[in-house]
């Protein structure tokens, strides 16, 4: 049985198509890859409860607020001395400390 050139061409095209289609099957992904395991942390195994952390923060905030209030109450006396021509040397340090305490308190109050 002899094959005509047209049948040979169709048969050859079919075989090439089968090889190409079957060869591309390995490139399909079946689902997403699994993520790696979490890294081991050096933190203690039982973290402190949030209520105690919040309580400690409130104690720190209260202490800083009291310090800031004490510093702020001393500033009017320094301004009064400034009117007389005297500038206390620690006035700028007090003002810088008030700014620092204010920033810390603002940061702790934000959720």
N, C-alpha and C. Protein backbone atom coordinates (compact mmCIF):
# COMPACT_ATOMS: atom_id res chain seq x y z
N UNK A 1 0.83 -1.17 0.00
CA UNK A 1 0.00 0.00 0.00
C UNK A 1 0.88 1.24 0.00
N UNK A 2 0.68 2.03 -0.99
CA UNK A 2 1.47 3.24 -1.14
C UNK A 2 0.66 4.44 -0.70
N UNK A 3 1.40 5.36 -0.05
CA UNK A 3 0.75 6.58 0.44
C UNK A 3 1.03 7.71 -0.53
N UNK A 4 0.02 8.44 -0.83
CA UNK A 4 0.17 9.57 -1.72
C UNK A 4 0.89 10.70 -0.97
N UNK A 5 1.49 11.60 -1.70
CA UNK A 5 2.20 12.70 -1.03
C UNK A 5 1.28 13.54 -0.15
N UNK A 6 0.03 13.67 -0.50
CA UNK A 6 -0.90 14.45 0.32
C UNK A 6 -1.16 13.75 1.65
N UNK A 7 -1.32 12.43 1.61
CA UNK A 7 -1.56 11.68 2.84
C UNK A 7 -0.30 11.70 3.71
N UNK A 8 0.87 11.61 3.11
CA UNK A 8 2.14 11.71 3.85
C UNK A 8 2.26 13.06 4.55
N UNK A 9 1.90 14.09 3.85
CA UNK A 9 1.98 15.43 4.43
C UNK A 9 1.01 15.58 5.60
N UNK A 10 -0.20 15.09 5.45
CA UNK A 10 -1.18 15.16 6.54
C UNK A 10 -0.74 14.32 7.72
N UNK A 11 -0.25 13.11 7.46
CA UNK A 11 0.20 12.22 8.52
C UNK A 11 1.42 12.81 9.24
N UNK A 12 2.33 13.38 8.50
CA UNK A 12 3.51 14.01 9.10
C UNK A 12 3.13 15.22 9.95
N UNK A 13 2.21 16.03 9.45
CA UNK A 13 1.74 17.19 10.20
C UNK A 13 1.05 16.76 11.49
N UNK A 14 0.27 15.68 11.39
CA UNK A 14 -0.42 15.18 12.58
C UNK A 14 0.59 14.69 13.62
N UNK A 15 1.60 13.97 13.20
CA UNK A 15 2.61 13.47 14.14
C UNK A 15 3.39 14.62 14.78
N UNK A 16 3.75 15.61 14.03
CA UNK A 16 4.46 16.78 14.57
C UNK A 16 3.58 17.50 15.58
N UNK A 17 2.30 17.65 15.27
CA UNK A 17 1.37 18.32 16.19
C UNK A 17 1.23 17.52 17.48
N UNK A 18 1.15 16.19 17.40
CA UNK A 18 1.03 15.34 18.59
C UNK A 18 2.28 15.48 19.45
N UNK A 19 3.45 15.50 18.85
CA UNK A 19 4.70 15.62 19.61
C UNK A 19 4.77 16.99 20.29
N UNK A 20 4.41 18.04 19.58
CA UNK A 20 4.46 19.38 20.17
C UNK A 20 3.47 19.55 21.31
N UNK A 21 2.28 19.04 21.16
CA UNK A 21 1.26 19.17 22.19
C UNK A 21 1.62 18.33 23.42
N UNK A 22 2.12 17.13 23.19
CA UNK A 22 2.45 16.27 24.33
C UNK A 22 3.70 16.78 25.05
N UNK A 23 4.58 17.46 24.36
CA UNK A 23 5.80 17.98 24.99
C UNK A 23 5.55 19.21 25.85
N UNK A 24 4.50 19.94 25.61
CA UNK A 24 4.23 21.15 26.38
C UNK A 24 3.46 20.87 27.66
N UNK A 25 3.09 19.62 27.90
CA UNK A 25 2.30 19.28 29.08
C UNK A 25 3.12 19.48 30.37
N UNK A 26 4.40 19.33 30.35
CA UNK A 26 5.23 19.45 31.54
C UNK A 26 5.41 20.88 32.02
N UNK A 27 5.03 21.85 31.25
CA UNK A 27 5.22 23.23 31.64
C UNK A 27 4.05 23.81 32.40
N UNK A 28 2.96 23.11 32.54
CA UNK A 28 1.79 23.62 33.25
C UNK A 28 1.98 23.42 34.74
N UNK A 29 1.67 24.45 35.51
CA UNK A 29 1.74 24.35 36.97
C UNK A 29 0.40 23.86 37.49
N UNK A 30 0.51 23.04 38.48
CA UNK A 30 -0.71 22.54 39.12
C UNK A 30 -0.79 23.17 40.51
N UNK A 31 -1.36 24.35 40.59
CA UNK A 31 -1.51 25.05 41.87
C UNK A 31 -0.30 25.92 42.17
N UNK A 32 -0.36 26.59 43.28
CA UNK A 32 0.72 27.48 43.70
C UNK A 32 1.74 26.72 44.54
N UNK A 33 3.00 27.13 44.51
CA UNK A 33 3.99 26.45 45.35
C UNK A 33 3.72 26.74 46.82
N UNK A 34 4.13 25.84 47.67
CA UNK A 34 3.92 26.04 49.10
C UNK A 34 4.99 26.97 49.63
N UNK A 35 4.63 27.92 50.51
CA UNK A 35 5.61 28.85 51.06
C UNK A 35 6.53 28.13 52.04
N UNK A 36 7.73 28.67 52.25
CA UNK A 36 8.65 28.04 53.20
C UNK A 36 8.14 28.19 54.62
N UNK A 37 8.64 27.36 55.50
CA UNK A 37 8.23 27.41 56.90
C UNK A 37 8.75 28.69 57.55
N UNK A 38 8.07 29.14 58.57
CA UNK A 38 8.46 30.37 59.27
C UNK A 38 9.80 30.15 59.96
N UNK A 39 10.59 31.21 59.96
CA UNK A 39 11.89 31.15 60.62
C UNK A 39 11.70 31.10 62.13
N UNK A 40 12.59 30.39 62.79
CA UNK A 40 12.51 30.31 64.25
C UNK A 40 12.92 31.65 64.84
N UNK A 41 12.13 32.14 65.78
CA UNK A 41 12.43 33.44 66.39
C UNK A 41 13.18 33.23 67.69
N UNK A 42 13.97 34.22 68.07
CA UNK A 42 14.74 34.17 69.31
C UNK A 42 13.95 34.70 70.49
N UNK A 43 12.69 35.06 70.28
CA UNK A 43 11.89 35.61 71.35
C UNK A 43 11.46 34.50 72.30
N UNK A 44 11.12 34.85 73.53
CA UNK A 44 10.70 33.82 74.47
C UNK A 44 9.42 33.13 74.00
N UNK A 45 9.23 31.91 74.46
CA UNK A 45 8.10 31.12 73.97
C UNK A 45 6.77 31.66 74.46
N UNK A 46 6.73 32.26 75.64
CA UNK A 46 5.46 32.78 76.15
C UNK A 46 5.57 34.30 76.29
N UNK A 47 5.02 35.06 75.34
CA UNK A 47 5.08 36.52 75.44
C UNK A 47 4.23 37.02 76.59
N UNK A 48 4.57 38.20 77.09
CA UNK A 48 3.81 38.79 78.18
C UNK A 48 2.42 39.18 77.69
N UNK A 49 1.44 39.12 78.55
CA UNK A 49 0.10 39.55 78.15
C UNK A 49 0.08 41.03 77.78
N UNK A 50 -0.81 41.38 76.85
CA UNK A 50 -0.88 42.76 76.40
C UNK A 50 -1.34 43.71 77.49
N UNK A 51 -2.13 43.22 78.43
CA UNK A 51 -2.63 44.10 79.49
C UNK A 51 -1.49 44.60 80.36
N UNK A 52 -0.50 43.74 80.65
CA UNK A 52 0.62 44.20 81.47
C UNK A 52 1.50 45.17 80.69
N UNK A 53 1.65 44.94 79.38
CA UNK A 53 2.42 45.88 78.56
C UNK A 53 1.72 47.23 78.51
N UNK A 54 0.41 47.22 78.37
CA UNK A 54 -0.35 48.46 78.31
C UNK A 54 -0.25 49.19 79.66
N UNK A 55 -0.26 48.42 80.76
CA UNK A 55 -0.16 49.03 82.09
C UNK A 55 1.21 49.66 82.27
N UNK A 56 2.25 48.97 81.83
CA UNK A 56 3.60 49.52 81.95
C UNK A 56 3.73 50.78 81.10
N UNK A 57 3.11 50.78 79.92
CA UNK A 57 3.16 51.97 79.09
C UNK A 57 2.44 53.13 79.75
N UNK A 58 1.33 52.86 80.42
CA UNK A 58 0.60 53.94 81.07
C UNK A 58 1.40 54.51 82.24
N UNK A 59 2.16 53.66 82.94
CA UNK A 59 3.01 54.15 84.04
C UNK A 59 4.10 55.05 83.47
N UNK A 60 4.71 54.62 82.37
CA UNK A 60 5.75 55.42 81.72
C UNK A 60 5.17 56.73 81.21
N UNK A 61 3.99 56.65 80.59
CA UNK A 61 3.36 57.86 80.07
C UNK A 61 3.05 58.83 81.20
N UNK A 62 2.57 58.33 82.32
CA UNK A 62 2.24 59.21 83.44
C UNK A 62 3.50 59.88 84.00
N UNK A 63 4.58 59.11 84.10
CA UNK A 63 5.84 59.67 84.60
C UNK A 63 6.35 60.76 83.65
N UNK A 64 6.30 60.49 82.34
CA UNK A 64 6.77 61.48 81.37
C UNK A 64 5.87 62.72 81.37
N UNK A 65 4.58 62.52 81.53
CA UNK A 65 3.66 63.67 81.57
C UNK A 65 3.92 64.53 82.80
N UNK A 66 4.19 63.89 83.94
CA UNK A 66 4.50 64.66 85.15
C UNK A 66 5.80 65.43 85.00
N UNK A 67 6.80 64.80 84.39
CA UNK A 67 8.08 65.48 84.17
C UNK A 67 7.89 66.68 83.23
N UNK A 68 7.10 66.46 82.18
CA UNK A 68 6.85 67.55 81.23
C UNK A 68 6.09 68.69 81.90
N UNK A 69 5.15 68.37 82.77
CA UNK A 69 4.40 69.41 83.47
C UNK A 69 5.31 70.20 84.41
N UNK A 70 6.23 69.51 85.09
CA UNK A 70 7.16 70.21 85.99
C UNK A 70 8.08 71.13 85.20
N UNK A 71 8.56 70.64 84.06
CA UNK A 71 9.42 71.49 83.23
C UNK A 71 8.65 72.69 82.69
N UNK A 72 7.43 72.46 82.25
CA UNK A 72 6.63 73.54 81.68
C UNK A 72 6.27 74.58 82.73
N UNK A 73 6.09 74.15 83.98
CA UNK A 73 5.75 75.13 85.02
C UNK A 73 6.94 76.00 85.40
N UNK A 74 8.16 75.55 85.10
CA UNK A 74 9.33 76.37 85.41
C UNK A 74 9.66 77.38 84.31
N UNK A 75 9.07 77.23 83.14
CA UNK A 75 9.37 78.12 82.01
C UNK A 75 8.88 79.55 82.25
N UNK A 76 7.69 79.81 82.83
CA UNK A 76 7.29 81.21 83.05
C UNK A 76 8.27 81.99 83.93
N UNK A 77 8.88 81.31 84.90
CA UNK A 77 9.90 81.99 85.72
C UNK A 77 11.13 82.35 84.91
N UNK A 78 11.50 81.47 84.00
CA UNK A 78 12.65 81.75 83.13
C UNK A 78 12.34 82.93 82.19
N UNK A 79 11.10 82.99 81.71
CA UNK A 79 10.71 84.10 80.82
C UNK A 79 10.70 85.41 81.61
N UNK A 80 10.28 85.36 82.88
CA UNK A 80 10.29 86.56 83.72
C UNK A 80 11.71 87.05 83.93
N UNK A 81 12.64 86.14 84.12
CA UNK A 81 14.04 86.55 84.27
C UNK A 81 14.59 87.09 82.95
N UNK A 82 14.09 86.55 81.83
CA UNK A 82 14.52 87.05 80.52
C UNK A 82 14.12 88.50 80.33
N UNK A 83 12.95 88.90 80.89
CA UNK A 83 12.51 90.29 80.80
C UNK A 83 13.46 91.22 81.55
N UNK A 84 14.10 90.69 82.59
CA UNK A 84 15.05 91.47 83.38
C UNK A 84 16.44 91.48 82.75
N UNK A 85 16.61 90.75 81.66
CA UNK A 85 17.91 90.72 81.00
C UNK A 85 18.74 89.51 81.39
N UNK A 86 18.20 88.63 82.18
CA UNK A 86 18.92 87.42 82.59
C UNK A 86 18.34 86.20 81.86
N UNK A 87 19.20 85.36 81.33
CA UNK A 87 18.75 84.16 80.65
C UNK A 87 19.33 82.95 81.38
N UNK A 88 18.50 82.18 82.05
CA UNK A 88 18.99 80.97 82.71
C UNK A 88 19.60 80.02 81.68
N UNK A 89 20.71 79.39 82.01
CA UNK A 89 21.44 78.57 81.05
C UNK A 89 20.69 77.28 80.69
N UNK A 90 19.84 76.80 81.56
CA UNK A 90 19.18 75.54 81.28
C UNK A 90 17.81 75.69 80.62
N UNK A 91 17.43 76.89 80.24
CA UNK A 91 16.12 77.11 79.63
C UNK A 91 15.99 76.36 78.31
N UNK A 92 17.01 76.42 77.46
CA UNK A 92 16.95 75.74 76.17
C UNK A 92 16.92 74.22 76.37
N UNK A 93 17.66 73.73 77.38
CA UNK A 93 17.63 72.30 77.66
C UNK A 93 16.24 71.86 78.12
N UNK A 94 15.59 72.70 78.94
CA UNK A 94 14.23 72.38 79.39
C UNK A 94 13.27 72.32 78.21
N UNK A 95 13.38 73.29 77.31
CA UNK A 95 12.48 73.32 76.16
C UNK A 95 12.71 72.12 75.23
N UNK A 96 13.98 71.76 75.04
CA UNK A 96 14.27 70.59 74.21
C UNK A 96 13.73 69.32 74.86
N UNK A 97 13.86 69.22 76.19
CA UNK A 97 13.35 68.04 76.91
C UNK A 97 11.81 67.98 76.81
N UNK A 98 11.16 69.13 76.89
CA UNK A 98 9.70 69.16 76.75
C UNK A 98 9.30 68.67 75.36
N UNK A 99 10.02 69.10 74.31
CA UNK A 99 9.72 68.65 72.96
C UNK A 99 9.91 67.14 72.83
N UNK A 100 10.99 66.61 73.40
CA UNK A 100 11.27 65.18 73.32
C UNK A 100 10.19 64.38 74.03
N UNK A 101 9.80 64.82 75.24
CA UNK A 101 8.76 64.13 75.99
C UNK A 101 7.43 64.19 75.24
N UNK A 102 7.15 65.32 74.63
CA UNK A 102 5.91 65.47 73.88
C UNK A 102 5.86 64.49 72.71
N UNK A 103 6.96 64.33 71.98
CA UNK A 103 7.01 63.40 70.86
C UNK A 103 6.84 61.96 71.34
N UNK A 104 7.48 61.63 72.47
CA UNK A 104 7.37 60.28 72.99
C UNK A 104 5.92 59.98 73.40
N UNK A 105 5.30 60.92 74.09
CA UNK A 105 3.91 60.72 74.52
C UNK A 105 2.97 60.58 73.33
N UNK A 106 3.19 61.40 72.31
CA UNK A 106 2.36 61.33 71.11
C UNK A 106 2.50 59.96 70.44
N UNK A 107 3.73 59.47 70.39
CA UNK A 107 3.97 58.16 69.77
C UNK A 107 3.35 57.02 70.56
N UNK A 108 3.35 57.12 71.87
CA UNK A 108 2.77 56.05 72.70
C UNK A 108 1.26 56.08 72.68
N UNK A 109 0.66 57.22 72.44
CA UNK A 109 -0.81 57.32 72.45
C UNK A 109 -1.42 56.86 71.16
N UNK A 110 -0.66 56.84 70.09
CA UNK A 110 -1.19 56.37 68.80
C UNK A 110 -1.38 54.87 68.86
N UNK A 111 -2.49 54.37 68.32
CA UNK A 111 -2.72 52.92 68.33
C UNK A 111 -1.85 52.19 67.33
